[in-house]
Amino acid sequence: NIKGQNLASQQGITADDARDGFDRGVTQSSQIAKASYAKS
């Protein structure tokens, strides 16, 4: 939501880096959620 609403309209290297950081966070958090569900 933050990436889509707050960062979508931003341009530049800093905005690109922020989006990349959010993408990494999404990927890592999704992996943890899936692994946790499997453990459960």
PDB file of all heavy atoms in Angstrom:
ATOM      1  N   ASN A   1       0.827  -1.212   0.000  1.00  0.00           N
ATOM      2  CA  ASN A   1       0.000   0.000   0.000  1.00  0.00           C
ATOM      3  C   ASN A   1       0.858   1.258   0.000  1.00  0.00           C
ATOM      4  O   ASN A   1       0.592   2.204  -0.741  1.00  0.00           O
ATOM      5  CB  ASN A   1      -0.942   0.019   1.205  1.00  0.00           C
ATOM      6  CG  ASN A   1      -2.158  -0.843   0.998  1.00  0.00           C
ATOM      7  OD1 ASN A   1      -2.547  -1.101  -0.122  1.00  0.00           O
ATOM      8  ND2 ASN A   1      -2.758  -1.288   2.082  1.00  0.00           N
ATOM      9  N   ILE A   2       1.871   1.284   0.841  1.00  0.00           N
ATOM     10  CA  ILE A   2       2.744   2.459   0.899  1.00  0.00           C
ATOM     11  C   ILE A   2       3.447   2.656  -0.440  1.00  0.00           C
ATOM     12  O   ILE A   2       3.500   3.768  -0.981  1.00  0.00           O
ATOM     13  CB  ILE A   2       3.767   2.330   2.044  1.00  0.00           C
ATOM     14  CG1 ILE A   2       3.054   2.402   3.389  1.00  0.00           C
ATOM     15  CG2 ILE A   2       4.834   3.409   1.942  1.00  0.00           C
ATOM     16  CD1 ILE A   2       3.935   2.063   4.573  1.00  0.00           C
ATOM     17  N   LYS A   3       3.953   1.560  -0.987  1.00  0.00           N
ATOM     18  CA  LYS A   3       4.656   1.649  -2.268  1.00  0.00           C
ATOM     19  C   LYS A   3       3.707   2.134  -3.357  1.00  0.00           C
ATOM     20  O   LYS A   3       4.051   3.011  -4.161  1.00  0.00           O
ATOM     21  CB  LYS A   3       5.243   0.298  -2.645  1.00  0.00           C
ATOM     22  CG  LYS A   3       6.004   0.322  -3.951  1.00  0.00           C
ATOM     23  CD  LYS A   3       6.475  -1.063  -4.342  1.00  0.00           C
ATOM     24  CE  LYS A   3       6.985  -1.037  -5.761  1.00  0.00           C
ATOM     25  NZ  LYS A   3       7.039  -2.352  -6.361  1.00  0.00           N
ATOM     26  N   GLY A   4       2.500   1.581  -3.378  1.00  0.00           N
ATOM     27  CA  GLY A   4       1.544   1.931  -4.429  1.00  0.00           C
ATOM     28  C   GLY A   4       0.969   3.331  -4.297  1.00  0.00           C
ATOM     29  O   GLY A   4       0.731   4.014  -5.291  1.00  0.00           O
ATOM     30  N   GLN A   5       0.759   3.764  -3.080  1.00  0.00           N
ATOM     31  CA  GLN A   5       0.124   5.069  -2.873  1.00  0.00           C
ATOM     32  C   GLN A   5       1.132   6.206  -2.738  1.00  0.00           C
ATOM     33  O   GLN A   5       0.943   7.275  -3.312  1.00  0.00           O
ATOM     34  CB  GLN A   5      -0.768   5.032  -1.636  1.00  0.00           C
ATOM     35  CG  GLN A   5      -1.977   4.145  -1.808  1.00  0.00           C
ATOM     36  CD  GLN A   5      -2.811   4.027  -0.539  1.00  0.00           C
ATOM     37  OE1 GLN A   5      -2.513   4.665   0.457  1.00  0.00           O
ATOM     38  NE2 GLN A   5      -3.833   3.206  -0.591  1.00  0.00           N
ATOM     39  N   ASN A   6       2.172   5.991  -1.994  1.00  0.00           N
ATOM     40  CA  ASN A   6       3.090   7.093  -1.678  1.00  0.00           C
ATOM     41  C   ASN A   6       4.292   7.159  -2.606  1.00  0.00           C
ATOM     42  O   ASN A   6       4.846   8.239  -2.823  1.00  0.00           O
ATOM     43  CB  ASN A   6       3.576   7.000  -0.240  1.00  0.00           C
ATOM     44  CG  ASN A   6       2.433   7.094   0.746  1.00  0.00           C
ATOM     45  OD1 ASN A   6       1.276   7.005   0.386  1.00  0.00           O
ATOM     46  ND2 ASN A   6       2.752   7.283   2.004  1.00  0.00           N
ATOM     47  N   LEU A   7       4.730   6.051  -3.121  1.00  0.00           N
ATOM     48  CA  LEU A   7       5.957   6.052  -3.927  1.00  0.00           C
ATOM     49  C   LEU A   7       5.690   5.963  -5.426  1.00  0.00           C
ATOM     50  O   LEU A   7       6.598   6.206  -6.222  1.00  0.00           O
ATOM     51  CB  LEU A   7       6.863   4.889  -3.505  1.00  0.00           C
ATOM     52  CG  LEU A   7       7.414   4.939  -2.086  1.00  0.00           C
ATOM     53  CD1 LEU A   7       8.210   3.677  -1.781  1.00  0.00           C
ATOM     54  CD2 LEU A   7       8.282   6.174  -1.899  1.00  0.00           C
ATOM     55  N   ALA A   8       4.482   5.603  -5.815  1.00  0.00           N
ATOM     56  CA  ALA A   8       4.193   5.370  -7.233  1.00  0.00           C
ATOM     57  C   ALA A   8       4.438   6.610  -8.083  1.00  0.00           C
ATOM     58  O   ALA A   8       4.959   6.512  -9.200  1.00  0.00           O
ATOM     59  CB  ALA A   8       2.763   4.883  -7.396  1.00  0.00           C
ATOM     60  N   SER A   9       4.086   7.758  -7.579  1.00  0.00           N
ATOM     61  CA  SER A   9       4.211   8.980  -8.376  1.00  0.00           C
ATOM     62  C   SER A   9       5.590   9.623  -8.272  1.00  0.00           C
ATOM     63  O   SER A   9       5.891  10.565  -9.005  1.00  0.00           O
ATOM     64  CB  SER A   9       3.145   9.988  -7.927  1.00  0.00           C
ATOM     65  OG  SER A   9       3.357  10.338  -6.578  1.00  0.00           O
ATOM     66  N   GLN A  10       6.421   9.129  -7.405  1.00  0.00           N
ATOM     67  CA  GLN A  10       7.747   9.729  -7.191  1.00  0.00           C
ATOM     68  C   GLN A  10       8.703   9.285  -8.301  1.00  0.00           C
ATOM     69  O   GLN A  10       8.618   8.174  -8.811  1.00  0.00           O
ATOM     70  CB  GLN A  10       8.288   9.301  -5.832  1.00  0.00           C
ATOM     71  CG  GLN A  10       7.322   9.561  -4.711  1.00  0.00           C
ATOM     72  CD  GLN A  10       7.862  10.523  -3.698  1.00  0.00           C
ATOM     73  OE1 GLN A  10       9.021  10.896  -3.736  1.00  0.00           O
ATOM     74  NE2 GLN A  10       7.005  10.927  -2.785  1.00  0.00           N
ATOM     75  N   GLN A  11       9.625  10.149  -8.630  1.00  0.00           N
ATOM     76  CA  GLN A  11      10.604   9.843  -9.663  1.00  0.00           C
ATOM     77  C   GLN A  11      12.011  10.125  -9.133  1.00  0.00           C
ATOM     78  O   GLN A  11      12.186  10.877  -8.187  1.00  0.00           O
ATOM     79  CB  GLN A  11      10.355  10.711 -10.898  1.00  0.00           C
ATOM     80  CG  GLN A  11       9.045  10.420 -11.577  1.00  0.00           C
ATOM     81  CD  GLN A  11       8.832  11.325 -12.796  1.00  0.00           C
ATOM     82  OE1 GLN A  11       9.621  12.236 -13.067  1.00  0.00           O
ATOM     83  NE2 GLN A  11       7.774  11.055 -13.524  1.00  0.00           N
ATOM     84  N   GLY A  12      12.969   9.466  -9.749  1.00  0.00           N
ATOM     85  CA  GLY A  12      14.359   9.709  -9.402  1.00  0.00           C
ATOM     86  C   GLY A  12      15.025   8.505  -8.773  1.00  0.00           C
ATOM     87  O   GLY A  12      14.395   7.477  -8.484  1.00  0.00           O
ATOM     88  N   ILE A  13      16.306   8.651  -8.563  1.00  0.00           N
ATOM     89  CA  ILE A  13      17.107   7.547  -8.014  1.00  0.00           C
ATOM     90  C   ILE A  13      16.664   7.193  -6.599  1.00  0.00           C
ATOM     91  O   ILE A  13      16.546   6.013  -6.256  1.00  0.00           O
ATOM     92  CB  ILE A  13      18.616   7.921  -8.036  1.00  0.00           C
ATOM     93  CG1 ILE A  13      19.083   8.057  -9.479  1.00  0.00           C
ATOM     94  CG2 ILE A  13      19.446   6.877  -7.307  1.00  0.00           C
ATOM     95  CD1 ILE A  13      20.497   8.595  -9.624  1.00  0.00           C
ATOM     96  N   THR A  14      16.416   8.200  -5.806  1.00  0.00           N
ATOM     97  CA  THR A  14      16.001   7.950  -4.418  1.00  0.00           C
ATOM     98  C   THR A  14      14.673   7.212  -4.381  1.00  0.00           C
ATOM     99  O   THR A  14      14.501   6.260  -3.613  1.00  0.00           O
ATOM    100  CB  THR A  14      15.909   9.269  -3.631  1.00  0.00           C
ATOM    101  OG1 THR A  14      17.176   9.925  -3.693  1.00  0.00           O
ATOM    102  CG2 THR A  14      15.534   9.017  -2.190  1.00  0.00           C
ATOM    103  N   ALA A  15      13.732   7.612  -5.218  1.00  0.00           N
ATOM    104  CA  ALA A  15      12.420   6.939  -5.280  1.00  0.00           C
ATOM    105  C   ALA A  15      12.586   5.507  -5.769  1.00  0.00           C
ATOM    106  O   ALA A  15      11.950   4.585  -5.246  1.00  0.00           O
ATOM    107  CB  ALA A  15      11.468   7.716  -6.175  1.00  0.00           C
ATOM    108  N   ASP A  16      13.453   5.317  -6.770  1.00  0.00           N
ATOM    109  CA  ASP A  16      13.717   3.959  -7.275  1.00  0.00           C
ATOM    110  C   ASP A  16      14.335   3.088  -6.176  1.00  0.00           C
ATOM    111  O   ASP A  16      13.948   1.922  -6.011  1.00  0.00           O
ATOM    112  CB  ASP A  16      14.656   4.004  -8.480  1.00  0.00           C
ATOM    113  CG  ASP A  16      14.005   4.607  -9.722  1.00  0.00           C
ATOM    114  OD1 ASP A  16      12.756   4.686  -9.759  1.00  0.00           O
ATOM    115  OD2 ASP A  16      14.758   5.020 -10.637  1.00  0.00           O
ATOM    116  N   ASP A  17      15.278   3.645  -5.449  1.00  0.00           N
ATOM    117  CA  ASP A  17      15.896   2.905  -4.337  1.00  0.00           C
ATOM    118  C   ASP A  17      14.856   2.565  -3.268  1.00  0.00           C
ATOM    119  O   ASP A  17      14.874   1.453  -2.711  1.00  0.00           O
ATOM    120  CB  ASP A  17      17.034   3.710  -3.707  1.00  0.00           C
ATOM    121  CG  ASP A  17      18.275   3.764  -4.576  1.00  0.00           C
ATOM    122  OD1 ASP A  17      18.358   2.976  -5.551  1.00  0.00           O
ATOM    123  OD2 ASP A  17      19.157   4.597  -4.284  1.00  0.00           O
ATOM    124  N   ALA A  18      13.980   3.502  -2.969  1.00  0.00           N
ATOM    125  CA  ALA A  18      12.938   3.249  -1.967  1.00  0.00           C
ATOM    126  C   ALA A  18      12.009   2.141  -2.445  1.00  0.00           C
ATOM    127  O   ALA A  18      11.662   1.240  -1.680  1.00  0.00           O
ATOM    128  CB  ALA A  18      12.149   4.531  -1.689  1.00  0.00           C
ATOM    129  N   ARG A  19      11.594   2.182  -3.710  1.00  0.00           N
ATOM    130  CA  ARG A  19      10.723   1.121  -4.254  1.00  0.00           C
ATOM    131  C   ARG A  19      11.436  -0.236  -4.212  1.00  0.00           C
ATOM    132  O   ARG A  19      10.828  -1.249  -3.872  1.00  0.00           O
ATOM    133  CB  ARG A  19      10.286   1.474  -5.673  1.00  0.00           C
ATOM    134  CG  ARG A  19       9.133   2.458  -5.713  1.00  0.00           C
ATOM    135  CD  ARG A  19       8.575   2.606  -7.126  1.00  0.00           C
ATOM    136  NE  ARG A  19       9.459   3.385  -7.984  1.00  0.00           N
ATOM    137  CZ  ARG A  19       9.474   4.723  -8.034  1.00  0.00           C
ATOM    138  NH1 ARG A  19       8.651   5.419  -7.270  1.00  0.00           N
ATOM    139  NH2 ARG A  19      10.310   5.339  -8.840  1.00  0.00           N
ATOM    140  N   ASP A  20      12.730  -0.233  -4.553  1.00  0.00           N
ATOM    141  CA  ASP A  20      13.507  -1.486  -4.487  1.00  0.00           C
ATOM    142  C   ASP A  20      13.549  -2.015  -3.052  1.00  0.00           C
ATOM    143  O   ASP A  20      13.419  -3.228  -2.820  1.00  0.00           O
ATOM    144  CB  ASP A  20      14.929  -1.277  -5.004  1.00  0.00           C
ATOM    145  CG  ASP A  20      15.004  -1.072  -6.511  1.00  0.00           C
ATOM    146  OD1 ASP A  20      14.008  -1.376  -7.207  1.00  0.00           O
ATOM    147  OD2 ASP A  20      16.071  -0.596  -6.990  1.00  0.00           O
ATOM    148  N   GLY A  21      13.727  -1.111  -2.108  1.00  0.00           N
ATOM    149  CA  GLY A  21      13.725  -1.519  -0.699  1.00  0.00           C
ATOM    150  C   GLY A  21      12.383  -2.098  -0.278  1.00  0.00           C
ATOM    151  O   GLY A  21      12.327  -3.115   0.422  1.00  0.00           O
ATOM    152  N   PHE A  22      11.314  -1.477  -0.716  1.00  0.00           N
ATOM    153  CA  PHE A  22       9.983  -2.004  -0.402  1.00  0.00           C
ATOM    154  C   PHE A  22       9.782  -3.368  -1.067  1.00  0.00           C
ATOM    155  O   PHE A  22       9.206  -4.273  -0.459  1.00  0.00           O
ATOM    156  CB  PHE A  22       8.892  -1.014  -0.845  1.00  0.00           C
ATOM    157  CG  PHE A  22       8.594   0.027   0.192  1.00  0.00           C
ATOM    158  CD1 PHE A  22       9.424   1.127   0.357  1.00  0.00           C
ATOM    159  CD2 PHE A  22       7.479  -0.095   1.014  1.00  0.00           C
ATOM    160  CE1 PHE A  22       9.157   2.085   1.317  1.00  0.00           C
ATOM    161  CE2 PHE A  22       7.204   0.860   1.980  1.00  0.00           C
ATOM    162  CZ  PHE A  22       8.049   1.959   2.132  1.00  0.00           C
ATOM    163  N   ASP A  23      10.257  -3.511  -2.301  1.00  0.00           N
ATOM    164  CA  ASP A  23      10.145  -4.809  -2.986  1.00  0.00           C
ATOM    165  C   ASP A  23      10.896  -5.897  -2.232  1.00  0.00           C
ATOM    166  O   ASP A  23      10.401  -7.024  -2.084  1.00  0.00           O
ATOM    167  CB  ASP A  23      10.675  -4.717  -4.420  1.00  0.00           C
ATOM    168  CG  ASP A  23       9.752  -3.916  -5.337  1.00  0.00           C
ATOM    169  OD1 ASP A  23       8.559  -3.753  -4.994  1.00  0.00           O
ATOM    170  OD2 ASP A  23      10.238  -3.445  -6.390  1.00  0.00           O
ATOM    171  N   ARG A  24      12.101  -5.575  -1.748  1.00  0.00           N
ATOM    172  CA  ARG A  24      12.862  -6.566  -0.960  1.00  0.00           C
ATOM    173  C   ARG A  24      12.103  -6.915   0.323  1.00  0.00           C
ATOM    174  O   ARG A  24      12.040  -8.078   0.716  1.00  0.00           O
ATOM    175  CB  ARG A  24      14.259  -6.029  -0.635  1.00  0.00           C
ATOM    176  CG  ARG A  24      15.233  -6.097  -1.791  1.00  0.00           C
ATOM    177  CD  ARG A  24      16.673  -5.809  -1.361  1.00  0.00           C
ATOM    178  NE  ARG A  24      16.836  -4.525  -0.675  1.00  0.00           N
ATOM    179  CZ  ARG A  24      16.982  -3.350  -1.284  1.00  0.00           C
ATOM    180  NH1 ARG A  24      16.990  -3.287  -2.602  1.00  0.00           N
ATOM    181  NH2 ARG A  24      17.134  -2.238  -0.589  1.00  0.00           N
ATOM    182  N   GLY A  25      11.541  -5.890   0.962  1.00  0.00           N
ATOM    183  CA  GLY A  25      10.757  -6.135   2.174  1.00  0.00           C
ATOM    184  C   GLY A  25       9.562  -7.017   1.903  1.00  0.00           C
ATOM    185  O   GLY A  25       9.242  -7.920   2.687  1.00  0.00           O
ATOM    186  N   VAL A  26       8.885  -6.781   0.789  1.00  0.00           N
ATOM    187  CA  VAL A  26       7.728  -7.606   0.412  1.00  0.00           C
ATOM    188  C   VAL A  26       8.169  -9.048   0.172  1.00  0.00           C
ATOM    189  O   VAL A  26       7.538 -10.002   0.661  1.00  0.00           O
ATOM    190  CB  VAL A  26       7.016  -7.023  -0.833  1.00  0.00           C
ATOM    191  CG1 VAL A  26       6.056  -8.024  -1.448  1.00  0.00           C
ATOM    192  CG2 VAL A  26       6.302  -5.730  -0.474  1.00  0.00           C
ATOM    193  N   THR A  27       9.257  -9.210  -0.573  1.00  0.00           N
ATOM    194  CA  THR A  27       9.751 -10.562  -0.876  1.00  0.00           C
ATOM    195  C   THR A  27      10.132 -11.309   0.401  1.00  0.00           C
ATOM    196  O   THR A  27       9.710 -12.457   0.610  1.00  0.00           O
ATOM    197  CB  THR A  27      10.962 -10.485  -1.828  1.00  0.00           C
ATOM    198  OG1 THR A  27      10.553  -9.849  -3.045  1.00  0.00           O
ATOM    199  CG2 THR A  27      11.525 -11.866  -2.124  1.00  0.00           C
ATOM    200  N   GLN A  28      10.919 -10.665   1.251  1.00  0.00           N
ATOM    201  CA  GLN A  28      11.365 -11.320   2.485  1.00  0.00           C
ATOM    202  C   GLN A  28      10.188 -11.615   3.416  1.00  0.00           C
ATOM    203  O   GLN A  28      10.102 -12.713   3.990  1.00  0.00           O
ATOM    204  CB  GLN A  28      12.402 -10.459   3.199  1.00  0.00           C
ATOM    205  CG  GLN A  28      13.714 -10.383   2.468  1.00  0.00           C
ATOM    206  CD  GLN A  28      14.679  -9.370   3.078  1.00  0.00           C
ATOM    207  OE1 GLN A  28      14.306  -8.561   3.925  1.00  0.00           O
ATOM    208  NE2 GLN A  28      15.926  -9.400   2.626  1.00  0.00           N
ATOM    209  N   SER A  29       9.289 -10.667   3.553  1.00  0.00           N
ATOM    210  CA  SER A  29       8.143 -10.858   4.449  1.00  0.00           C
ATOM    211  C   SER A  29       7.214 -11.940   3.924  1.00  0.00           C
ATOM    212  O   SER A  29       6.661 -12.720   4.703  1.00  0.00           O
ATOM    213  CB  SER A  29       7.388  -9.544   4.629  1.00  0.00           C
ATOM    214  OG  SER A  29       8.228  -8.592   5.252  1.00  0.00           O
ATOM    215  N   SER A  30       7.046 -12.000   2.608  1.00  0.00           N
ATOM    216  CA  SER A  30       6.221 -13.056   2.009  1.00  0.00           C
ATOM    217  C   SER A  30       6.828 -14.427   2.256  1.00  0.00           C
ATOM    218  O   SER A  30       6.116 -15.394   2.563  1.00  0.00           O
ATOM    219  CB  SER A  30       6.057 -12.823   0.508  1.00  0.00           C
ATOM    220  OG  SER A  30       5.311 -11.673   0.248  1.00  0.00           O
ATOM    221  N   GLN A  31       8.150 -14.511   2.136  1.00  0.00           N
ATOM    222  CA  GLN A  31       8.829 -15.785   2.392  1.00  0.00           C
ATOM    223  C   GLN A  31       8.652 -16.221   3.844  1.00  0.00           C
ATOM    224  O   GLN A  31       8.396 -17.396   4.120  1.00  0.00           O
ATOM    225  CB  GLN A  31      10.314 -15.677   2.044  1.00  0.00           C
ATOM    226  CG  GLN A  31      10.584 -15.573   0.569  1.00  0.00           C
ATOM    227  CD  GLN A  31      12.037 -15.241   0.256  1.00  0.00           C
ATOM    228  OE1 GLN A  31      12.819 -14.860   1.124  1.00  0.00           O
ATOM    229  NE2 GLN A  31      12.406 -15.380  -1.006  1.00  0.00           N
ATOM    230  N   ILE A  32       8.781 -15.275   4.755  1.00  0.00           N
ATOM    231  CA  ILE A  32       8.606 -15.589   6.174  1.00  0.00           C
ATOM    232  C   ILE A  32       7.167 -16.019   6.440  1.00  0.00           C
ATOM    233  O   ILE A  32       6.924 -16.991   7.165  1.00  0.00           O
ATOM    234  CB  ILE A  32       9.001 -14.390   7.060  1.00  0.00           C
ATOM    235  CG1 ILE A  32      10.506 -14.136   6.962  1.00  0.00           C
ATOM    236  CG2 ILE A  32       8.597 -14.622   8.512  1.00  0.00           C
ATOM    237  CD1 ILE A  32      10.962 -12.830   7.588  1.00  0.00           C
ATOM    238  N   ALA A  33       6.204 -15.333   5.843  1.00  0.00           N
ATOM    239  CA  ALA A  33       4.795 -15.683   6.034  1.00  0.00           C
ATOM    240  C   ALA A  33       4.512 -17.089   5.519  1.00  0.00           C
ATOM    241  O   ALA A  33       3.836 -17.882   6.185  1.00  0.00           O
ATOM    242  CB  ALA A  33       3.893 -14.669   5.342  1.00  0.00           C
ATOM    243  N   LYS A  34       5.036 -17.410   4.341  1.00  0.00           N
ATOM    244  CA  LYS A  34       4.819 -18.743   3.765  1.00  0.00           C
ATOM    245  C   LYS A  34       5.486 -19.830   4.609  1.00  0.00           C
ATOM    246  O   LYS A  34       4.908 -20.883   4.858  1.00  0.00           O
ATOM    247  CB  LYS A  34       5.332 -18.798   2.330  1.00  0.00           C
ATOM    248  CG  LYS A  34       4.467 -18.044   1.359  1.00  0.00           C
ATOM    249  CD  LYS A  34       5.067 -18.042  -0.038  1.00  0.00           C
ATOM    250  CE  LYS A  34       4.262 -17.134  -0.955  1.00  0.00           C
ATOM    251  NZ  LYS A  34       4.874 -16.977  -2.268  1.00  0.00           N
ATOM    252  N   ALA A  35       6.715 -19.576   5.034  1.00  0.00           N
ATOM    253  CA  ALA A  35       7.429 -20.558   5.865  1.00  0.00           C
ATOM    254  C   ALA A  35       6.715 -20.749   7.201  1.00  0.00           C
ATOM    255  O   ALA A  35       6.591 -21.882   7.690  1.00  0.00           O
ATOM    256  CB  ALA A  35       8.870 -20.112   6.087  1.00  0.00           C
ATOM    257  N   SER A  36       6.232 -19.660   7.770  1.00  0.00           N
ATOM    258  CA  SER A  36       5.520 -19.753   9.046  1.00  0.00           C
ATOM    259  C   SER A  36       4.220 -20.529   8.890  1.00  0.00           C
ATOM    260  O   SER A  36       3.858 -21.338   9.749  1.00  0.00           O
ATOM    261  CB  SER A  36       5.228 -18.353   9.599  1.00  0.00           C
ATOM    262  OG  SER A  36       6.430 -17.683   9.870  1.00  0.00           O
ATOM    263  N   TYR A  37       3.522 -20.300   7.793  1.00  0.00           N
ATOM    264  CA  TYR A  37       2.284 -21.043   7.537  1.00  0.00           C
ATOM    265  C   TYR A  37       2.585 -22.540   7.393  1.00  0.00           C
ATOM    266  O   TYR A  37       1.863 -23.381   7.937  1.00  0.00           O
ATOM    267  CB  TYR A  37       1.582 -20.512   6.285  1.00  0.00           C
ATOM    268  CG  TYR A  37       0.299 -21.236   5.999  1.00  0.00           C
ATOM    269  CD1 TYR A  37      -0.857 -20.941   6.716  1.00  0.00           C
ATOM    270  CD2 TYR A  37       0.245 -22.245   5.045  1.00  0.00           C
ATOM    271  CE1 TYR A  37      -2.036 -21.629   6.479  1.00  0.00           C
ATOM    272  CE2 TYR A  37      -0.921 -22.937   4.807  1.00  0.00           C
ATOM    273  CZ  TYR A  37      -2.058 -22.618   5.520  1.00  0.00           C
ATOM    274  OH  TYR A  37      -3.222 -23.318   5.287  1.00  0.00           O
ATOM    275  N   ALA A  38       3.658 -22.863   6.679  1.00  0.00           N
ATOM    276  CA  ALA A  38       4.044 -24.271   6.515  1.00  0.00           C
ATOM    277  C   ALA A  38       4.390 -24.901   7.864  1.00  0.00           C
ATOM    278  O   ALA A  38       4.000 -26.045   8.150  1.00  0.00           O
ATOM    279  CB  ALA A  38       5.226 -24.386   5.552  1.00  0.00           C
ATOM    280  N   LYS A  39       5.099 -24.165   8.712  1.00  0.00           N
ATOM    281  CA  LYS A  39       5.429 -24.679  10.045  1.00  0.00           C
ATOM    282  C   LYS A  39       4.169 -24.890  10.870  1.00  0.00           C
ATOM    283  O   LYS A  39       4.031 -25.900  11.570  1.00  0.00           O
ATOM    284  CB  LYS A  39       6.372 -23.717  10.779  1.00  0.00           C
ATOM    285  CG  LYS A  39       7.778 -23.710  10.243  1.00  0.00           C
ATOM    286  CD  LYS A  39       8.635 -22.688  10.973  1.00  0.00           C
ATOM    287  CE  LYS A  39       9.997 -22.557  10.347  1.00  0.00           C
ATOM    288  NZ  LYS A  39      10.813 -21.533  11.015  1.00  0.00           N
ATOM    289  N   SER A  40       3.256 -23.947  10.794  1.00  0.00           N
ATOM    290  CA  SER A  40       2.004 -24.078  11.528  1.00  0.00           C
ATOM    291  C   SER A  40       1.238 -25.309  11.069  1.00  0.00           C
ATOM    292  O   SER A  40       0.703 -26.061  11.884  1.00  0.00           O
ATOM    293  CB  SER A  40       1.155 -22.820  11.337  1.00  0.00           C
ATOM    294  OG  SER A  40      -0.104 -22.973  11.942  1.00  0.00           O
TER     295      SER A  40
END
